[in-house]
PDB file of N, CA and C in Angstrom:
ATOM      1  N   UNK A   1     158.108  60.880 138.838  1.00  0.00           N
ATOM      2  CA  UNK A   1     158.075  62.636 138.810  1.00  0.00           C
ATOM      3  C   UNK A   1     157.407  62.971 137.254  1.00  0.00           C
ATOM      4  N   UNK A   2     156.387  63.822 137.608  1.00  0.00           N
ATOM      5  CA  UNK A   2     155.864  64.363 136.398  1.00  0.00           C
ATOM      6  C   UNK A   2     156.066  65.705 136.423  1.00  0.00           C
ATOM      7  N   UNK A   3     156.328  66.494 134.836  1.00  0.00           N
ATOM      8  CA  UNK A   3     156.501  67.649 134.592  1.00  0.00           C
ATOM      9  C   UNK A   3     154.897  68.494 134.356  1.00  0.00           C
ATOM     10  N   UNK A   4     155.237  69.596 135.104  1.00  0.00           N
ATOM     11  CA  UNK A   4     153.597  70.369 134.928  1.00  0.00           C
ATOM     12  C   UNK A   4     154.155  71.648 134.394  1.00  0.00           C
ATOM     13  N   UNK A   5     153.487  72.175 133.157  1.00  0.00           N
ATOM     14  CA  UNK A   5     153.637  73.153 132.329  1.00  0.00           C
ATOM     15  C   UNK A   5     152.706  74.191 133.034  1.00  0.00           C
ATOM     16  N   UNK A   6     153.188  75.153 133.582  1.00  0.00           N
ATOM     17  CA  UNK A   6     152.861  76.255 134.116  1.00  0.00           C
ATOM     18  C   UNK A   6     152.670  77.346 133.022  1.00  0.00           C
ATOM     19  N   UNK A   7     151.763  77.484 132.084  1.00  0.00           N
ATOM     20  CA  UNK A   7     151.745  78.477 131.220  1.00  0.00           C
ATOM     21  C   UNK A   7     151.778  79.932 131.581  1.00  0.00           C
ATOM     22  N   UNK A   8     150.724  80.280 132.899  1.00  0.00           N
ATOM     23  CA  UNK A   8     150.525  81.664 132.887  1.00  0.00           C
ATOM     24  C   UNK A   8     151.908  81.839 133.600  1.00  0.00           C
ATOM     25  N   UNK A   9     152.829  81.345 134.174  1.00  0.00           N
ATOM     26  CA  UNK A   9     154.192  81.475 134.652  1.00  0.00           C
ATOM     27  C   UNK A   9     155.351  81.367 133.664  1.00  0.00           C
ATOM     28  N   UNK A  10     155.076  80.722 132.382  1.00  0.00           N
ATOM     29  CA  UNK A  10     156.029  80.862 131.362  1.00  0.00           C
ATOM     30  C   UNK A  10     157.241  79.669 132.161  1.00  0.00           C
ATOM     31  N   UNK A  11     156.472  78.399 132.696  1.00  0.00           N
ATOM     32  CA  UNK A  11     157.369  77.599 133.350  1.00  0.00           C
ATOM     33  C   UNK A  11     157.084  76.296 133.213  1.00  0.00           C
ATOM     34  N   UNK A  12     158.275  75.552 133.207  1.00  0.00           N
ATOM     35  CA  UNK A  12     158.075  74.036 133.619  1.00  0.00           C
ATOM     36  C   UNK A  12     158.375  73.639 134.934  1.00  0.00           C
ATOM     37  N   UNK A  13     157.750  73.024 135.610  1.00  0.00           N
ATOM     38  CA  UNK A  13     158.104  72.766 137.347  1.00  0.00           C
ATOM     39  C   UNK A  13     158.128  71.052 137.441  1.00  0.00           C
ATOM     40  N   UNK A  14     159.203  70.592 137.828  1.00  0.00           N
ATOM     41  CA  UNK A  14     159.102  69.117 138.716  1.00  0.00           C
ATOM     42  C   UNK A  14     159.110  69.499 139.800  1.00  0.00           C
ATOM     43  N   UNK A  15     158.174  68.935 140.470  1.00  0.00           N
ATOM     44  CA  UNK A  15     158.063  68.674 142.004  1.00  0.00           C
ATOM     45  C   UNK A  15     158.676  67.773 142.547  1.00  0.00           C
ATOM     46  N   UNK A  16     159.795  67.428 143.307  1.00  0.00           N
ATOM     47  CA  UNK A  16     160.438  66.532 144.002  1.00  0.00           C
ATOM     48  C   UNK A  16     160.605  66.451 145.251  1.00  0.00           C
ATOM     49  N   UNK A  17     159.297  65.628 145.957  1.00  0.00           N
ATOM     50  CA  UNK A  17     159.024  65.750 147.105  1.00  0.00           C
ATOM     51  C   UNK A  17     159.215  66.979 147.805  1.00  0.00           C
ATOM     52  N   UNK A  18     158.351  67.924 147.126  1.00  0.00           N
ATOM     53  CA  UNK A  18     157.986  69.079 147.666  1.00  0.00           C
ATOM     54  C   UNK A  18     159.012  70.345 147.316  1.00  0.00           C
ATOM     55  N   UNK A  19     160.206  70.168 146.865  1.00  0.00           N
ATOM     56  CA  UNK A  19     161.199  70.728 146.494  1.00  0.00           C
ATOM     57  C   UNK A  19     160.790  70.814 144.732  1.00  0.00           C
ATOM     58  N   UNK A  20     161.002  72.060 144.171  1.00  0.00           N
ATOM     59  CA  UNK A  20     160.417  72.767 143.018  1.00  0.00           C
ATOM     60  C   UNK A  20     161.786  73.166 142.339  1.00  0.00           C
ATOM     61  N   UNK A  21     162.095  71.960 141.034  1.00  0.00           N
ATOM     62  CA  UNK A  21     162.813  72.651 140.173  1.00  0.00           C
ATOM     63  C   UNK A  21     162.142  73.187 138.815  1.00  0.00           C
ATOM     64  N   UNK A  22     162.866  74.008 138.028  1.00  0.00           N
ATOM     65  CA  UNK A  22     161.992  74.794 136.913  1.00  0.00           C
ATOM     66  C   UNK A  22     162.836  74.802 136.065  1.00  0.00           C
ATOM     67  N   UNK A  23     162.109  75.178 134.939  1.00  0.00           N
ATOM     68  CA  UNK A  23     162.540  75.646 133.557  1.00  0.00           C
ATOM     69  C   UNK A  23     161.920  76.820 132.913  1.00  0.00           C
ATOM     70  N   UNK A  24     162.379  78.184 133.040  1.00  0.00           N
ATOM     71  CA  UNK A  24     161.744  79.271 132.831  1.00  0.00           C
ATOM     72  C   UNK A  24     161.673  79.611 131.090  1.00  0.00           C
ATOM     73  N   UNK A  25     160.762  80.061 130.149  1.00  0.00           N
ATOM     74  CA  UNK A  25     160.969  80.525 129.236  1.00  0.00           C
ATOM     75  C   UNK A  25     159.978  81.277 128.579  1.00  0.00           C
ATOM     76  N   UNK A  26     160.371  82.238 127.777  1.00  0.00           N
ATOM     77  CA  UNK A  26     159.788  82.869 126.806  1.00  0.00           C
ATOM     78  C   UNK A  26     159.317  82.760 125.541  1.00  0.00           C
ATOM     79  N   UNK A  27     157.842  83.185 125.004  1.00  0.00           N
ATOM     80  CA  UNK A  27     157.468  82.814 123.606  1.00  0.00           C
ATOM     81  C   UNK A  27     157.682  84.244 122.713  1.00  0.00           C
ATOM     82  N   UNK A  28     158.358  83.676 121.551  1.00  0.00           N
ATOM     83  CA  UNK A  28     158.067  85.094 120.754  1.00  0.00           C
ATOM     84  C   UNK A  28     158.056  84.107 119.358  1.00  0.00           C
ATOM     85  N   UNK A  29     157.053  84.676 118.204  1.00  0.00           N
ATOM     86  CA  UNK A  29     156.926  84.023 117.063  1.00  0.00           C
ATOM     87  C   UNK A  29     156.521  82.375 117.117  1.00  0.00           C
ATOM     88  N   UNK A  30     155.888  82.112 118.289  1.00  0.00           N
ATOM     89  CA  UNK A  30     155.677  80.846 118.624  1.00  0.00           C
ATOM     90  C   UNK A  30     156.777  79.694 118.741  1.00  0.00           C
ATOM     91  N   UNK A  31     157.716  80.305 119.013  1.00  0.00           N
ATOM     92  CA  UNK A  31     158.866  79.858 119.155  1.00  0.00           C
ATOM     93  C   UNK A  31     159.482  80.029 120.870  1.00  0.00           C
ATOM     94  N   UNK A  32     159.738  78.828 121.264  1.00  0.00           N
ATOM     95  CA  UNK A  32     160.012  78.930 122.781  1.00  0.00           C
ATOM     96  C   UNK A  32     161.528  78.922 122.949  1.00  0.00           C
ATOM     97  N   UNK A  33     161.797  79.948 123.862  1.00  0.00           N
ATOM     98  CA  UNK A  33     163.212  80.592 124.564  1.00  0.00           C
ATOM     99  C   UNK A  33     163.570  80.002 125.832  1.00  0.00           C
ATOM    100  N   UNK A  34     164.254  78.690 126.215  1.00  0.00           N
ATOM    101  CA  UNK A  34     164.123  78.329 127.196  1.00  0.00           C
ATOM    102  C   UNK A  34     165.441  79.104 127.902  1.00  0.00           C
ATOM    103  N   UNK A  35     164.926  79.862 128.564  1.00  0.00           N
ATOM    104  CA  UNK A  35     166.255  80.808 129.133  1.00  0.00           C
ATOM    105  C   UNK A  35     166.847  80.733 130.439  1.00  0.00           C
ATOM    106  N   UNK A  36     166.415  79.698 131.436  1.00  0.00           N
ATOM    107  CA  UNK A  36     166.841  79.403 132.796  1.00  0.00           C
ATOM    108  C   UNK A  36     166.154  78.420 133.190  1.00  0.00           C
ATOM    109  N   UNK A  37     167.218  77.526 134.142  1.00  0.00           N
ATOM    110  CA  UNK A  37     166.904  76.433 134.797  1.00  0.00           C
ATOM    111  C   UNK A  37     167.460  76.499 136.153  1.00  0.00           C
ATOM    112  N   UNK A  38     166.683  75.795 137.174  1.00  0.00           N
ATOM    113  CA  UNK A  38     167.443  75.875 138.404  1.00  0.00           C
ATOM    114  C   UNK A  38     167.023  74.545 139.048  1.00  0.00           C
ATOM    115  N   UNK A  39     167.914  73.916 139.827  1.00  0.00           N
ATOM    116  CA  UNK A  39     167.267  72.961 140.869  1.00  0.00           C
ATOM    117  C   UNK A  39     167.717  73.422 142.212  1.00  0.00           C
ATOM    118  N   UNK A  40     166.636  72.975 143.153  1.00  0.00           N
ATOM    119  CA  UNK A  40     167.299  73.483 144.410  1.00  0.00           C
ATOM    120  C   UNK A  40     168.445  72.900 144.812  1.00  0.00           C
ATOM    121  N   UNK A  41     169.156  73.468 145.928  1.00  0.00           N
ATOM    122  CA  UNK A  41     170.561  73.109 146.308  1.00  0.00           C
ATOM    123  C   UNK A  41     170.633  71.792 146.738  1.00  0.00           C
ATOM    124  N   UNK A  42     169.751  71.231 147.876  1.00  0.00           N
ATOM    125  CA  UNK A  42     169.816  69.798 148.321  1.00  0.00           C
ATOM    126  C   UNK A  42     169.197  68.867 147.313  1.00  0.00           C
ATOM    127  N   UNK A  43     169.276  69.045 145.789  1.00  0.00           N
ATOM    128  CA  UNK A  43     168.699  68.337 144.993  1.00  0.00           C
ATOM    129  C   UNK A  43     169.556  68.148 144.090  1.00  0.00           C
ATOM    130  N   UNK A  44     170.840  69.113 144.203  1.00  0.00           N
ATOM    131  CA  UNK A  44     171.721  68.612 142.894  1.00  0.00           C
ATOM    132  C   UNK A  44     172.605  67.702 143.225  1.00  0.00           C
ATOM    133  N   UNK A  45     173.322  67.279 142.197  1.00  0.00           N
ATOM    134  CA  UNK A  45     174.136  66.138 142.281  1.00  0.00           C
ATOM    135  C   UNK A  45     173.425  64.782 141.875  1.00  0.00           C
ATOM    136  N   UNK A  46     172.045  64.936 141.793  1.00  0.00           N
ATOM    137  CA  UNK A  46     171.231  63.500 141.623  1.00  0.00           C
ATOM    138  C   UNK A  46     170.760  63.019 140.383  1.00  0.00           C
ATOM    139  N   UNK A  47     171.162  63.866 139.441  1.00  0.00           N
ATOM    140  CA  UNK A  47     170.618  63.853 138.138  1.00  0.00           C
ATOM    141  C   UNK A  47     169.342  64.334 137.765  1.00  0.00           C
ATOM    142  N   UNK A  48     168.617  65.458 139.059  1.00  0.00           N
ATOM    143  CA  UNK A  48     167.449  66.094 138.891  1.00  0.00           C
ATOM    144  C   UNK A  48     167.455  67.251 137.678  1.00  0.00           C
ATOM    145  N   UNK A  49     168.685  67.965 137.797  1.00  0.00           N
ATOM    146  CA  UNK A  49     168.642  68.598 136.204  1.00  0.00           C
ATOM    147  C   UNK A  49     168.339  68.167 134.954  1.00  0.00           C
ATOM    148  N   UNK A  50     169.119  66.954 134.998  1.00  0.00           N
ATOM    149  CA  UNK A  50     168.901  66.237 133.345  1.00  0.00           C
ATOM    150  C   UNK A  50     167.413  65.785 133.389  1.00  0.00           C
ATOM    151  N   UNK A  51     167.184  65.326 134.436  1.00  0.00           N
ATOM    152  CA  UNK A  51     165.575  64.744 134.270  1.00  0.00           C
ATOM    153  C   UNK A  51     164.605  65.754 133.927  1.00  0.00           C
ATOM    154  N   UNK A  52     164.775  66.746 134.861  1.00  0.00           N
ATOM    155  CA  UNK A  52     164.200  68.384 134.521  1.00  0.00           C
ATOM    156  C   UNK A  52     163.828  68.815 133.169  1.00  0.00           C
ATOM    157  N   UNK A  53     165.197  68.494 132.542  1.00  0.00           N
ATOM    158  CA  UNK A  53     165.151  69.444 130.999  1.00  0.00           C
ATOM    159  C   UNK A  53     164.617  68.004 130.158  1.00  0.00           C
ATOM    160  N   UNK A  54     164.983  66.962 130.267  1.00  0.00           N
ATOM    161  CA  UNK A  54     164.464  66.138 129.246  1.00  0.00           C
ATOM    162  C   UNK A  54     162.862  65.923 129.302  1.00  0.00           C
ATOM    163  N   UNK A  55     162.246  66.236 130.675  1.00  0.00           N
ATOM    164  CA  UNK A  55     160.799  65.821 130.590  1.00  0.00           C
ATOM    165  C   UNK A  55     159.878  67.407 130.228  1.00  0.00           C
ATOM    166  N   UNK A  56     161.084  68.118 130.219  1.00  0.00           N
ATOM    167  CA  UNK A  56     160.641  69.469 129.678  1.00  0.00           C
ATOM    168  C   UNK A  56     160.647  69.634 128.140  1.00  0.00           C
ATOM    169  N   UNK A  57     161.834  68.689 127.421  1.00  0.00           N
ATOM    170  CA  UNK A  57     161.725  68.703 126.191  1.00  0.00           C
ATOM    171  C   UNK A  57     160.347  67.545 125.836  1.00  0.00           C
ATOM    172  N   UNK A  58     160.183  66.725 126.464  1.00  0.00           N
ATOM    173  CA  UNK A  58     159.215  65.779 126.248  1.00  0.00           C
ATOM    174  C   UNK A  58     157.922  66.444 126.088  1.00  0.00           C
ATOM    175  N   UNK A  59     157.752  67.199 127.121  1.00  0.00           N
ATOM    176  CA  UNK A  59     156.088  68.070 127.152  1.00  0.00           C
ATOM    177  C   UNK A  59     156.074  69.110 126.121  1.00  0.00           C
ATOM    178  N   UNK A  60     157.132  70.014 125.901  1.00  0.00           N
ATOM    179  CA  UNK A  60     157.041  70.975 124.744  1.00  0.00           C
ATOM    180  C   UNK A  60     156.687  70.427 123.560  1.00  0.00           C
ATOM    181  N   UNK A  61     157.341  69.003 123.419  1.00  0.00           N
ATOM    182  CA  UNK A  61     157.107  67.917 121.967  1.00  0.00           C
ATOM    183  C   UNK A  61     155.428  67.763 121.843  1.00  0.00           C
ATOM    184  N   UNK A  62     155.265  67.545 122.833  1.00  0.00           N
ATOM    185  CA  UNK A  62     153.605  66.830 122.986  1.00  0.00           C
ATOM    186  C   UNK A  62     153.054  67.929 122.579  1.00  0.00           C
ATOM    187  N   UNK A  63     153.124  69.313 122.887  1.00  0.00           N
ATOM    188  CA  UNK A  63     152.406  70.385 123.152  1.00  0.00           C
ATOM    189  C   UNK A  63     152.421  71.244 121.564  1.00  0.00           C
ATOM    190  N   UNK A  64     153.720  70.524 120.944  1.00  0.00           N
ATOM    191  CA  UNK A  64     154.000  70.999 119.570  1.00  0.00           C
ATOM    192  C   UNK A  64     154.882  72.258 119.340  1.00  0.00           C
ATOM    193  N   UNK A  65     155.664  72.541 120.290  1.00  0.00           N
ATOM    194  CA  UNK A  65     156.762  73.740 120.553  1.00  0.00           C
ATOM    195  C   UNK A  65     158.037  73.321 119.482  1.00  0.00           C
ATOM    196  N   UNK A  66     158.328  74.531 119.145  1.00  0.00           N
ATOM    197  CA  UNK A  66     160.074  74.372 118.706  1.00  0.00           C
ATOM    198  C   UNK A  66     160.754  75.237 119.965  1.00  0.00           C
ATOM    199  N   UNK A  67     162.017  74.847 120.216  1.00  0.00           N
ATOM    200  CA  UNK A  67     162.565  75.770 121.327  1.00  0.00           C
ATOM    201  C   UNK A  67     163.951  75.990 120.887  1.00  0.00           C
ATOM    202  N   UNK A  68     164.499  76.946 121.143  1.00  0.00           N
ATOM    203  CA  UNK A  68     165.885  77.571 121.405  1.00  0.00           C
ATOM    204  C   UNK A  68     166.282  77.490 123.050  1.00  0.00           C
ATOM    205  N   UNK A  69     167.121  76.634 122.881  1.00  0.00           N
ATOM    206  CA  UNK A  69     168.000  76.729 124.420  1.00  0.00           C
ATOM    207  C   UNK A  69     168.676  77.973 124.691  1.00  0.00           C
ATOM    208  N   UNK A  70     168.356  78.602 125.443  1.00  0.00           N
ATOM    209  CA  UNK A  70     169.531  79.782 125.800  1.00  0.00           C
ATOM    210  C   UNK A  70     170.119  79.704 127.082  1.00  0.00           C
ATOM    211  N   UNK A  71     169.487  79.050 128.060  1.00  0.00           N
ATOM    212  CA  UNK A  71     170.014  78.413 129.257  1.00  0.00           C
ATOM    213  C   UNK A  71     171.463  77.453 128.888  1.00  0.00           C
ATOM    214  N   UNK A  72     172.432  77.815 129.266  1.00  0.00           N
ATOM    215  CA  UNK A  72     173.667  76.814 129.270  1.00  0.00           C
ATOM    216  C   UNK A  72     173.413  75.536 129.478  1.00  0.00           C
ATOM    217  N   UNK A  73     172.821  75.482 130.639  1.00  0.00           N
ATOM    218  CA  UNK A  73     172.699  73.884 130.928  1.00  0.00           C
ATOM    219  C   UNK A  73     171.482  73.234 130.037  1.00  0.00           C
ATOM    220  N   UNK A  74     170.673  73.763 129.811  1.00  0.00           N
ATOM    221  CA  UNK A  74     169.447  73.142 129.010  1.00  0.00           C
ATOM    222  C   UNK A  74     169.904  73.166 127.475  1.00  0.00           C
ATOM    223  N   UNK A  75     171.032  73.857 127.017  1.00  0.00           N
ATOM    224  CA  UNK A  75     171.789  73.890 125.651  1.00  0.00           C
ATOM    225  C   UNK A  75     172.639  72.457 125.617  1.00  0.00           C
ATOM    226  N   UNK A  76     173.205  72.207 127.084  1.00  0.00           N
ATOM    227  CA  UNK A  76     174.163  71.181 127.186  1.00  0.00           C
ATOM    228  C   UNK A  76     173.457  69.794 127.346  1.00  0.00           C
ATOM    229  N   UNK A  77     172.041  69.887 127.824  1.00  0.00           N
ATOM    230  CA  UNK A  77     171.596  68.518 127.629  1.00  0.00           C
ATOM    231  C   UNK A  77     171.059  68.460 126.049  1.00  0.00           C
ATOM    232  N   UNK A  78     170.687  69.310 125.383  1.00  0.00           N
ATOM    233  CA  UNK A  78     170.140  69.387 124.267  1.00  0.00           C
ATOM    234  C   UNK A  78     171.297  68.639 123.187  1.00  0.00           C
ATOM    235  N   UNK A  79     172.483  69.228 123.120  1.00  0.00           N
ATOM    236  CA  UNK A  79     173.451  68.786 122.571  1.00  0.00           C
ATOM    237  C   UNK A  79     173.926  67.605 122.808  1.00  0.00           C
ATOM    238  N   UNK A  80     173.954  66.878 123.860  1.00  0.00           N
ATOM    239  CA  UNK A  80     174.170  65.283 124.129  1.00  0.00           C
ATOM    240  C   UNK A  80     173.625  64.330 123.629  1.00  0.00           C
ATOM    241  N   UNK A  81     172.172  64.517 123.073  1.00  0.00           N
ATOM    242  CA  UNK A  81     171.668  63.797 122.331  1.00  0.00           C
ATOM    243  C   UNK A  81     170.917  64.120 121.007  1.00  0.00           C
ATOM    244  N   UNK A  82     170.845  63.245 120.094  1.00  0.00           N
ATOM    245  CA  UNK A  82     170.475  63.772 118.627  1.00  0.00           C
ATOM    246  C   UNK A  82     168.859  63.714 118.867  1.00  0.00           C
ATOM    247  N   UNK A  83     168.322  62.850 119.822  1.00  0.00           N
ATOM    248  CA  UNK A  83     166.895  62.684 120.373  1.00  0.00           C
ATOM    249  C   UNK A  83     166.121  64.173 119.912  1.00  0.00           C
ATOM    250  N   UNK A  84     166.900  65.200 120.519  1.00  0.00           N
ATOM    251  CA  UNK A  84     166.250  66.452 120.563  1.00  0.00           C
ATOM    252  C   UNK A  84     166.701  67.423 119.083  1.00  0.00           C
ATOM    253  N   UNK A  85     167.312  67.118 118.348  1.00  0.00           N
ATOM    254  CA  UNK A  85     167.724  68.189 117.192  1.00  0.00           C
ATOM    255  C   UNK A  85     166.741  68.725 116.555  1.00  0.00           C
ATOM    256  N   UNK A  86     165.750  67.856 116.492  1.00  0.00           N
ATOM    257  CA  UNK A  86     164.657  68.451 115.491  1.00  0.00           C
ATOM    258  C   UNK A  86     163.831  69.650 116.237  1.00  0.00           C
ATOM    259  N   UNK A  87     163.784  69.659 117.376  1.00  0.00           N
ATOM    260  CA  UNK A  87     163.055  70.585 118.172  1.00  0.00           C
ATOM    261  C   UNK A  87     163.663  71.618 118.872  1.00  0.00           C
ATOM    262  N   UNK A  88     164.973  71.177 119.239  1.00  0.00           N
ATOM    263  CA  UNK A  88     165.918  72.284 120.217  1.00  0.00           C
ATOM    264  C   UNK A  88     167.035  72.675 119.322  1.00  0.00           C
ATOM    265  N   UNK A  89     167.223  74.277 119.194  1.00  0.00           N
ATOM    266  CA  UNK A  89     168.276  74.496 118.704  1.00  0.00           C
ATOM    267  C   UNK A  89     169.165  75.640 119.321  1.00  0.00           C
TER     268      UNK A  89
END
Protein backbone atom coordinates (compact mmCIF):
# COMPACT_ATOMS: atom_id res chain seq x y z
CA UNK A 1 0.00 0.00 0.00
CA UNK A 2 1.34 3.36 -1.03
CA UNK A 3 0.35 6.71 0.41
CA UNK A 4 -0.51 9.51 -2.02
CA UNK A 5 -0.05 13.15 -1.04
CA UNK A 6 -2.84 15.13 -2.68
CA UNK A 7 -1.49 18.61 -2.02
CA UNK A 8 -4.31 20.35 -3.91
CA UNK A 9 -6.80 18.77 -1.45
CA UNK A 10 -4.59 19.05 1.67
CA UNK A 11 -4.68 15.35 2.38
CA UNK A 12 -2.85 12.06 2.34
CA UNK A 13 -4.74 9.14 0.79
CA UNK A 14 -4.29 5.40 1.20
CA UNK A 15 -6.19 3.33 -1.39
CA UNK A 16 -7.03 -0.11 -0.03
CA UNK A 17 -8.62 -2.18 -2.79
CA UNK A 18 -10.70 0.79 -3.95
CA UNK A 19 -11.59 2.05 -0.47
CA UNK A 20 -10.02 5.37 0.53
CA UNK A 21 -8.56 6.16 3.96
CA UNK A 22 -7.46 9.76 4.54
CA UNK A 23 -5.52 12.12 6.76
CA UNK A 24 -6.42 15.77 6.21
CA UNK A 25 -4.25 18.74 7.17
CA UNK A 26 -3.80 22.49 7.09
CA UNK A 27 -0.49 24.28 6.70
CA UNK A 28 0.36 27.44 8.61
CA UNK A 29 3.85 28.96 8.80
CA UNK A 30 5.33 25.86 7.12
CA UNK A 31 3.96 23.58 9.87
CA UNK A 32 1.51 20.85 8.88
CA UNK A 33 -1.45 20.48 11.25
CA UNK A 34 -2.90 16.97 10.94
CA UNK A 35 -6.55 17.70 11.68
CA UNK A 36 -8.61 14.67 10.70
CA UNK A 37 -8.28 10.99 9.81
CA UNK A 38 -10.84 8.53 8.53
CA UNK A 39 -10.86 4.86 7.61
CA UNK A 40 -13.95 3.44 5.87
CA UNK A 41 -16.10 1.40 8.25
CA UNK A 42 -15.52 -1.86 6.33
CA UNK A 43 -11.74 -1.52 6.87
CA UNK A 44 -11.82 -0.72 10.59
CA UNK A 45 -10.30 -3.15 13.07
CA UNK A 46 -7.66 -4.34 10.59
CA UNK A 47 -4.81 -1.97 11.48
CA UNK A 48 -5.40 0.19 8.40
CA UNK A 49 -5.62 3.37 10.49
CA UNK A 50 -2.20 2.78 12.00
CA UNK A 51 -0.71 2.01 8.56
CA UNK A 52 -2.35 5.17 7.17
CA UNK A 53 -0.94 7.40 9.91
CA UNK A 54 2.57 5.89 9.88
CA UNK A 55 2.78 6.15 6.08
CA UNK A 56 1.61 9.76 6.38
CA UNK A 57 4.41 10.44 8.88
CA UNK A 58 6.95 8.78 6.56
CA UNK A 59 5.79 10.85 3.59
CA UNK A 60 5.77 14.18 5.37
CA UNK A 61 9.27 13.36 6.68
CA UNK A 62 10.45 12.69 3.10
CA UNK A 63 8.95 16.01 2.03
CA UNK A 64 10.63 17.90 4.88
CA UNK A 65 7.60 18.89 6.94
CA UNK A 66 7.23 19.18 10.69
CA UNK A 67 3.73 18.47 11.94
CA UNK A 68 1.37 18.93 14.84
CA UNK A 69 -1.14 16.18 15.58
CA UNK A 70 -4.56 17.71 16.16
CA UNK A 71 -6.62 14.60 15.35
CA UNK A 72 -6.84 12.42 18.47
CA UNK A 73 -6.06 9.19 16.59
CA UNK A 74 -3.04 10.69 14.81
CA UNK A 75 -1.84 12.02 18.18
CA UNK A 76 -2.24 8.54 19.75
CA UNK A 77 -0.11 6.88 17.06
CA UNK A 78 2.56 9.61 17.35
CA UNK A 79 2.74 9.20 21.13
CA UNK A 80 3.14 5.41 20.96
CA UNK A 81 6.54 5.60 19.27
CA UNK A 82 9.64 7.69 19.88
CA UNK A 83 10.39 7.33 16.17
CA UNK A 84 8.22 10.35 15.36
CA UNK A 85 9.04 12.64 18.30
CA UNK A 86 11.35 14.88 16.25
CA UNK A 87 8.77 15.66 13.57
CA UNK A 88 5.36 15.33 15.28
CA UNK A 89 4.31 17.42 18.24
